[in-house]
């Protein structure tokens, strides 16, 4: 992913108002992010547990999505649907996003299970490893795992936008 600015981030959101996009917390460490190893930018709201954000490069534009999830989820192993990483004790959450446009204003949303820390790109590249010791391990080549993360995230964002 190419480095992006706070302005790029705020302008990208499709499922919240422009006012909400102006007020949401943007990571302060944008210059320090491992951009070459990211397929999307994901972060949690430090002041509002259960809220997260994604910015995904999709079809030559940035698409931002606000997410909500319950905190203190199940205390059992679960697999992320984006990167297929298995985590223990609540490190995977059902992330729900209000749909964009009129459908979202009517209360419709979509969801999928994701790594709670939104670091799927780093797990796919094995730069970051889950705390769970004895787990399913995807031994497919790194490029295949990266492509799967991109495809799965793009499909999720397309569902939010559709």
Foldseek 3Di string as FASTA:
>chain_A
DDQDDLVLQLVAEFQDDSVVSVPADDDPVSVVDPVVLDQWDKAARPVDPFKIKIWHCDPNGIHIWIWGWDPQDDQAWDAFQQQRAIAGTRQKTWIKTQAGDPSSVVPDIDTGIHGNGNPSSCVLQVVDHHPDDDDDDDPDDSVVSNVSNNVRVNVRSVVSHD
